[in-house]
Amino acid sequence: MTHAMVIHDTGGPEVMQWEEVEVGGPAVDEVKIQQTVVGFNMIDTYRRKGLYPCDVPFITGSEAAGVVDVVGSNVTDLNPGDRVVYAIADFGAYTESRLINADRLVRIPDDISDEIAAASFLKGLTSWYLIHKTWQLKEGDCILVYAAAGGVGTILCQWAKHLGAHVIGVVGSDDKARLAKKYGCENVINYSTEEIVPAVKEFTGGKGVDVVYDSIGADTFNASLDCLRPRGLMVTYGNATGAVPPINVLELMKKGSLFLTRPTLGHYANLREDLLEGAGALFDVIRSGVVKILINQEFDLNDAVNAHRQVESRNTTGATIFRCQA
């Protein structure tokens, strides 16, 4: 019998319950996989808390690696024993075994471990689309990256630096500031001791940055707008402090004819060819050493409650993974 972290009512970390679940066999286009490693992402908490509504009961989680167990009758490009990873599957990853549509799965290269794949796939694909699709980052661009010592932040900053960008990171402690500088940031702002906007203006000679990548949400949105140069791009892609409230679009004009987008990975990697493009780019930068994946927290999957508490306390850095025992 498979076990999973099941949510019957939304709320704090304690609403996740370790329970037996039925999995069954795959439909014609599906694959049954035995999961080895599950990746944590902040979107897991948004669903758990009800910010992104789901019908209960449900299993949160969007990213995992595992081994193909059984394939449906229409699946021709995967076989039992193949190592695979996914990040575009809505939710349901906090489980030892699951069914998933085959076109959501990508084979893991032989020289990349399950741990690295599960820790990096959603975060790495997010970084890929943010700097290659939402904004085509080029040498000399100046960007501001929030949560620069986190899972997405450490990947995005390393990748952006490799492309020749000037990267300013925002973090919440001196320890995180040191980590962010080690992993791609040219300048770092510790928001617990510094005001973000004046620091950005100082670093940019008063010009502001070309792009802001803001995963924090409500608490930082207005300051982020003030960090942009005229006609700069505001990318709000996370809700760590809650969803951004409605904005009067005239404010974008007043602050410099700014551009604003609220992207999500599903719109950049929903097509199979886009998913494979992003996966190939990610695996290339990991394999070459351009991007190093920091797995700084590991938990058993049945300890996900504790993991969520630690991450939401902002005491973690880099990626967090869960190991499956089955």
Protein backbone atom coordinates (compact mmCIF):
# COMPACT_ATOMS: atom_id res chain seq x y z
CA MET A 1 0.00 0.00 0.00
CA THR A 2 1.22 3.49 -0.87
CA HIS A 3 1.41 6.26 1.72
CA ALA A 4 0.96 9.96 1.04
CA MET A 5 0.60 13.29 2.86
CA VAL A 6 -3.14 13.93 2.50
CA ILE A 7 -4.86 17.27 3.18
CA HIS A 8 -8.52 17.14 4.26
CA ASP A 9 -8.81 20.78 5.36
CA THR A 10 -6.54 23.67 4.35
CA GLY A 11 -4.48 25.49 6.95
CA GLY A 12 -1.12 25.21 8.70
CA PRO A 13 1.45 22.45 8.20
CA GLU A 14 -0.36 20.19 10.67
CA VAL A 15 -3.23 19.64 8.21
CA MET A 16 -1.02 17.24 6.22
CA GLN A 17 -1.70 13.68 7.38
CA TRP A 18 0.36 10.56 6.57
CA GLU A 19 -2.20 8.08 5.24
CA GLU A 20 -2.54 4.99 3.07
CA VAL A 21 -3.88 5.72 -0.42
CA GLU A 22 -4.96 3.59 -3.37
CA VAL A 23 -3.05 4.17 -6.60
CA GLY A 24 -4.30 1.52 -9.04
CA GLY A 25 -3.04 0.96 -12.57
CA PRO A 26 -2.30 3.49 -15.32
CA ALA A 27 -4.76 4.62 -17.96
CA VAL A 28 -3.72 4.25 -21.60
CA ASP A 29 -1.65 7.49 -21.64
CA GLU A 30 -0.41 7.26 -18.07
CA VAL A 31 2.59 5.86 -16.24
CA LYS A 32 2.78 4.52 -12.71
CA ILE A 33 6.00 5.59 -11.00
CA GLN A 34 7.62 4.64 -7.73
CA GLN A 35 8.95 7.92 -6.40
CA THR A 36 12.39 8.19 -4.86
CA VAL A 37 12.75 11.89 -4.09
CA VAL A 38 10.15 14.68 -3.86
CA GLY A 39 11.13 18.33 -4.21
CA PHE A 40 9.69 21.05 -1.97
CA ASN A 41 8.44 24.28 -3.56
CA MET A 42 6.64 27.27 -2.06
CA ILE A 43 3.60 26.56 -4.23
CA ASP A 44 3.13 23.46 -2.04
CA THR A 45 2.36 25.79 0.87
CA TYR A 46 0.03 27.99 -1.20
CA ARG A 47 -2.15 24.97 -1.94
CA ARG A 48 -1.93 23.68 1.61
CA LYS A 49 -3.08 27.05 2.98
CA GLY A 50 -5.86 27.44 0.41
CA LEU A 51 -4.36 30.40 -1.46
CA TYR A 52 -4.55 28.21 -4.57
CA PRO A 53 -7.87 26.40 -3.97
CA CYS A 54 -8.05 22.62 -4.43
CA ASP A 55 -10.93 20.24 -3.84
CA VAL A 56 -10.33 18.32 -0.62
CA PRO A 57 -9.03 15.81 0.11
CA PHE A 58 -5.89 16.33 -1.98
CA ILE A 59 -2.15 15.72 -2.00
CA THR A 60 0.07 18.77 -2.48
CA GLY A 61 3.45 18.87 -4.25
CA SER A 62 4.46 19.51 -7.87
CA GLU A 63 7.90 17.98 -8.35
CA ALA A 64 9.48 14.55 -7.93
CA ALA A 65 11.85 11.99 -9.38
CA GLY A 66 11.31 8.27 -9.52
CA VAL A 67 11.36 5.05 -11.49
CA VAL A 68 8.79 3.94 -14.04
CA ASP A 69 6.87 0.91 -12.72
CA VAL A 70 4.05 0.30 -15.21
CA VAL A 71 3.20 2.03 -18.50
CA GLY A 72 -0.18 2.47 -20.15
CA SER A 73 -0.97 0.80 -23.46
CA ASN A 74 -0.48 3.99 -25.52
CA VAL A 75 2.89 4.89 -23.96
CA THR A 76 5.72 4.03 -26.33
CA ASP A 77 8.67 6.20 -25.29
CA LEU A 78 9.00 5.11 -21.65
CA ASN A 79 9.73 1.68 -20.18
CA PRO A 80 9.69 0.12 -16.72
CA GLY A 81 12.95 0.96 -14.98
CA ASP A 82 13.43 4.36 -16.62
CA ARG A 83 14.42 7.15 -14.24
CA VAL A 84 12.13 10.15 -14.69
CA VAL A 85 11.37 13.57 -13.23
CA TYR A 86 8.40 15.91 -13.48
CA ALA A 87 7.34 19.40 -12.48
CA ILE A 88 4.21 20.10 -14.52
CA ALA A 89 1.61 17.85 -12.96
CA ASP A 90 -0.65 20.31 -11.10
CA PHE A 91 -0.16 18.63 -7.69
CA GLY A 92 -0.07 15.25 -5.98
CA ALA A 93 3.68 14.75 -5.53
CA TYR A 94 3.78 14.10 -1.76
CA THR A 95 3.31 10.36 -2.21
CA GLU A 96 5.40 7.21 -2.50
CA SER A 97 3.78 6.10 -5.75
CA ARG A 98 1.49 7.77 -8.26
CA LEU A 99 -0.07 7.82 -11.71
CA ILE A 100 0.90 10.62 -14.09
CA ASN A 101 0.41 11.42 -17.74
CA ALA A 102 3.45 10.23 -19.67
CA ASP A 103 3.93 13.52 -21.53
CA ARG A 104 4.66 15.25 -18.22
CA LEU A 105 7.70 13.06 -17.58
CA VAL A 106 11.29 13.67 -18.68
CA ARG A 107 14.05 11.07 -18.52
CA ILE A 108 16.82 11.91 -16.07
CA PRO A 109 20.28 11.84 -17.69
CA ASP A 110 22.60 9.14 -16.38
CA ASP A 111 25.02 11.69 -14.94
CA ILE A 112 22.36 13.49 -12.85
CA SER A 113 21.09 11.94 -9.61
CA ASP A 114 17.48 11.61 -8.54
CA GLU A 115 18.23 14.04 -5.71
CA ILE A 116 19.57 16.75 -8.01
CA ALA A 117 16.73 16.21 -10.50
CA ALA A 118 13.99 16.43 -7.87
CA ALA A 119 15.61 19.41 -6.16
CA SER A 120 16.07 21.40 -9.34
CA PHE A 121 13.46 20.56 -11.96
CA LEU A 122 10.63 22.92 -11.06
CA LYS A 123 12.96 25.58 -9.71
CA GLY A 124 15.30 25.25 -12.67
CA LEU A 125 12.51 25.38 -15.24
CA THR A 126 11.17 28.44 -13.44
CA SER A 127 14.57 30.10 -13.66
CA TRP A 128 14.83 29.10 -17.33
CA TYR A 129 11.59 30.72 -18.39
CA LEU A 130 12.14 33.81 -16.23
CA ILE A 131 15.48 34.68 -17.83
CA HIS A 132 14.99 33.22 -21.31
CA LYS A 133 11.29 33.68 -22.06
CA THR A 134 9.60 36.21 -19.78
CA TRP A 135 12.63 38.47 -20.35
CA GLN A 136 15.42 37.49 -22.69
CA LEU A 137 18.30 38.28 -20.40
CA LYS A 138 21.40 39.60 -22.12
CA GLU A 139 24.88 40.66 -21.14
CA GLY A 140 24.87 43.92 -19.22
CA ASP A 141 21.27 43.72 -17.97
CA CYS A 142 20.78 44.54 -14.30
CA ILE A 143 18.26 42.51 -12.34
CA LEU A 144 16.91 42.37 -8.78
CA VAL A 145 16.22 38.89 -7.39
CA TYR A 146 14.30 38.34 -4.15
CA ALA A 147 14.95 35.27 -1.97
CA ALA A 148 18.35 35.08 -3.63
CA ALA A 149 19.56 32.39 -1.20
CA GLY A 150 16.54 30.16 -1.78
CA GLY A 151 15.88 27.28 -4.13
CA VAL A 152 14.88 29.29 -7.20
CA GLY A 153 17.06 32.23 -6.25
CA THR A 154 20.37 30.37 -6.14
CA ILE A 155 19.68 28.80 -9.54
CA LEU A 156 18.43 31.99 -11.16
CA CYS A 157 21.33 34.09 -9.87
CA GLN A 158 24.00 31.65 -11.04
CA TRP A 159 22.41 31.29 -14.46
CA ALA A 160 21.92 35.05 -14.86
CA LYS A 161 25.52 35.75 -13.91
CA HIS A 162 26.67 33.21 -16.51
CA LEU A 163 24.69 35.16 -19.12
CA GLY A 164 26.54 38.35 -18.18
CA ALA A 165 23.89 40.08 -16.08
CA HIS A 166 24.54 42.25 -13.05
CA VAL A 167 22.62 40.55 -10.24
CA ILE A 168 21.40 42.26 -7.08
CA GLY A 169 20.00 39.85 -4.52
CA VAL A 170 17.59 40.45 -1.64
CA VAL A 171 17.84 38.24 1.46
CA GLY A 172 16.87 38.33 5.12
CA SER A 173 20.11 37.69 7.02
CA ASP A 174 23.86 38.14 6.85
CA ASP A 175 24.37 34.37 6.45
CA LYS A 176 22.02 34.35 3.47
CA ALA A 177 23.79 37.40 2.07
CA ARG A 178 27.10 35.53 2.10
CA LEU A 179 25.48 32.56 0.38
CA ALA A 180 23.86 34.76 -2.27
CA LYS A 181 27.20 36.39 -3.07
CA LYS A 182 28.77 32.98 -3.44
CA TYR A 183 26.07 31.92 -5.89
CA GLY A 184 25.91 34.72 -8.42
CA CYS A 185 25.00 38.02 -6.77
CA GLU A 186 27.22 41.01 -7.43
CA ASN A 187 25.48 43.01 -4.69
CA VAL A 188 23.21 41.83 -1.89
CA ILE A 189 20.63 43.69 0.19
CA ASN A 190 19.73 42.39 3.66
CA TYR A 191 16.18 43.68 4.01
CA SER A 192 16.29 43.22 7.79
CA THR A 193 18.90 45.95 8.09
CA GLU A 194 18.63 47.94 4.82
CA GLU A 195 15.94 49.71 2.84
CA ILE A 196 15.61 47.98 -0.53
CA VAL A 197 14.87 50.93 -2.82
CA PRO A 198 17.70 53.26 -1.69
CA ALA A 199 20.18 50.37 -1.85
CA VAL A 200 19.12 49.51 -5.41
CA LYS A 201 19.41 53.14 -6.47
CA GLU A 202 22.89 53.29 -4.96
CA PHE A 203 24.04 50.12 -6.70
CA THR A 204 22.69 51.31 -10.06
CA GLY A 205 23.81 54.94 -9.89
CA GLY A 206 20.21 56.07 -9.54
CA LYS A 207 19.02 54.34 -12.71
CA GLY A 208 17.15 51.37 -11.31
CA VAL A 209 17.17 47.81 -12.60
CA ASP A 210 15.92 46.40 -15.91
CA VAL A 211 13.93 43.57 -14.30
CA VAL A 212 12.69 42.70 -10.82
CA TYR A 213 12.05 39.02 -10.04
CA ASP A 214 9.82 39.16 -6.96
CA SER A 215 8.72 35.88 -5.36
CA ILE A 216 7.64 37.50 -2.09
CA GLY A 217 4.36 39.05 -3.16
CA ALA A 218 2.27 41.47 -1.15
CA ASP A 219 4.93 42.86 1.20
CA THR A 220 7.45 43.85 -1.47
CA PHE A 221 5.41 44.67 -4.57
CA ASN A 222 5.36 48.46 -4.25
CA ALA A 223 9.04 48.70 -3.35
CA SER A 224 9.85 46.48 -6.31
CA LEU A 225 8.12 48.87 -8.70
CA ASP A 226 10.22 51.70 -7.31
CA CYS A 227 13.42 49.75 -8.05
CA LEU A 228 12.79 49.68 -11.81
CA ARG A 229 14.18 51.95 -14.47
CA PRO A 230 11.69 53.59 -16.86
CA ARG A 231 10.08 50.90 -19.08
CA GLY A 232 11.48 48.19 -16.80
CA LEU A 233 9.74 44.87 -16.21
CA MET A 234 8.16 43.83 -12.92
CA VAL A 235 7.91 40.02 -12.66
CA THR A 236 5.86 38.96 -9.65
CA TYR A 237 5.93 35.17 -9.58
CA GLY A 238 5.37 34.15 -5.96
CA ASN A 239 3.18 34.80 -2.92
CA ALA A 240 5.35 34.08 0.12
CA THR A 241 3.69 36.98 2.01
CA GLY A 242 0.34 36.69 0.27
CA ALA A 243 -1.09 37.59 -3.11
CA VAL A 244 -0.44 41.05 -4.53
CA PRO A 245 -3.58 43.20 -4.13
CA PRO A 246 -5.24 44.78 -7.18
CA ILE A 247 -3.22 47.62 -8.70
CA ASN A 248 -4.30 50.83 -10.40
CA VAL A 249 -2.59 50.54 -13.78
CA LEU A 250 -2.01 54.30 -13.82
CA GLU A 251 0.67 53.66 -11.20
CA LEU A 252 2.67 51.83 -13.87
CA MET A 253 2.57 54.97 -16.01
CA LYS A 254 3.49 57.27 -13.13
CA LYS A 255 6.47 55.14 -12.14
CA GLY A 256 7.99 55.09 -15.63
CA SER A 257 5.69 53.33 -18.14
CA LEU A 258 6.53 50.04 -16.47
CA PHE A 259 5.64 46.56 -17.67
CA LEU A 260 4.04 44.08 -15.27
CA THR A 261 3.58 40.32 -15.58
CA ARG A 262 2.45 37.52 -13.29
CA PRO A 263 3.79 34.36 -15.00
CA THR A 264 3.52 30.71 -14.11
CA LEU A 265 5.51 27.73 -15.33
CA GLY A 266 2.48 26.00 -16.79
CA HIS A 267 2.15 28.66 -19.48
CA TYR A 268 5.80 28.35 -20.50
CA ALA A 269 6.29 24.57 -20.39
CA ASN A 270 2.86 23.10 -20.97
CA LEU A 271 3.67 22.08 -24.54
CA ARG A 272 5.90 19.01 -24.78
CA GLU A 273 8.45 20.77 -26.99
CA ASP A 274 8.75 23.66 -24.53
CA LEU A 275 9.13 21.27 -21.59
CA LEU A 276 11.93 19.41 -23.36
CA GLU A 277 13.62 22.68 -24.37
CA GLY A 278 13.64 23.91 -20.78
CA ALA A 279 14.74 20.53 -19.39
CA GLY A 280 17.59 20.32 -21.90
CA ALA A 281 18.80 23.81 -21.04
CA LEU A 282 18.62 23.06 -17.32
CA PHE A 283 20.45 19.76 -17.54
CA ASP A 284 23.15 21.43 -19.66
CA VAL A 285 23.92 24.16 -17.11
CA ILE A 286 23.91 21.65 -14.25
CA ARG A 287 26.14 19.22 -16.13
CA SER A 288 28.60 21.97 -17.12
CA GLY A 289 28.86 23.31 -13.57
CA VAL A 290 27.40 26.70 -14.50
CA VAL A 291 24.60 26.06 -12.00
CA LYS A 292 25.27 24.18 -8.78
CA ILE A 293 22.23 22.80 -6.96
CA LEU A 294 22.24 23.41 -3.21
CA ILE A 295 20.37 20.72 -1.31
CA ASN A 296 20.60 22.09 2.19
CA GLN A 297 17.63 20.35 3.84
CA GLU A 298 16.56 16.71 3.62
CA PHE A 299 13.54 15.10 5.29
CA ASP A 300 11.64 11.85 5.05
CA LEU A 301 8.39 12.42 3.19
CA ASN A 302 6.37 11.51 6.27
CA ASP A 303 8.09 14.43 8.06
CA ALA A 304 6.74 17.03 5.62
CA VAL A 305 4.92 18.86 8.42
CA ASN A 306 8.21 19.70 10.09
CA ALA A 307 9.76 20.64 6.76
CA HIS A 308 7.00 23.12 5.98
CA ARG A 309 7.37 24.71 9.41
CA GLN A 310 11.10 25.18 8.92
CA VAL A 311 10.82 26.62 5.43
CA GLU A 312 8.02 29.01 6.37
CA SER A 313 10.07 30.23 9.32
CA ARG A 314 12.61 31.45 6.72
CA ASN A 315 15.41 29.53 8.37
CA THR A 316 16.33 27.49 5.30
CA THR A 317 18.53 28.08 2.26
CA GLY A 318 18.83 26.40 -1.12
CA ALA A 319 16.62 23.43 -1.94
CA THR A 320 14.64 21.12 0.35
CA ILE A 321 13.91 17.52 -0.61
CA PHE A 322 11.91 14.62 0.79
CA ARG A 323 13.08 11.02 0.54
CA CYS A 324 10.51 8.30 -0.09
CA GLN A 325 10.87 5.12 1.92
CA ALA A 326 8.95 2.73 -0.34
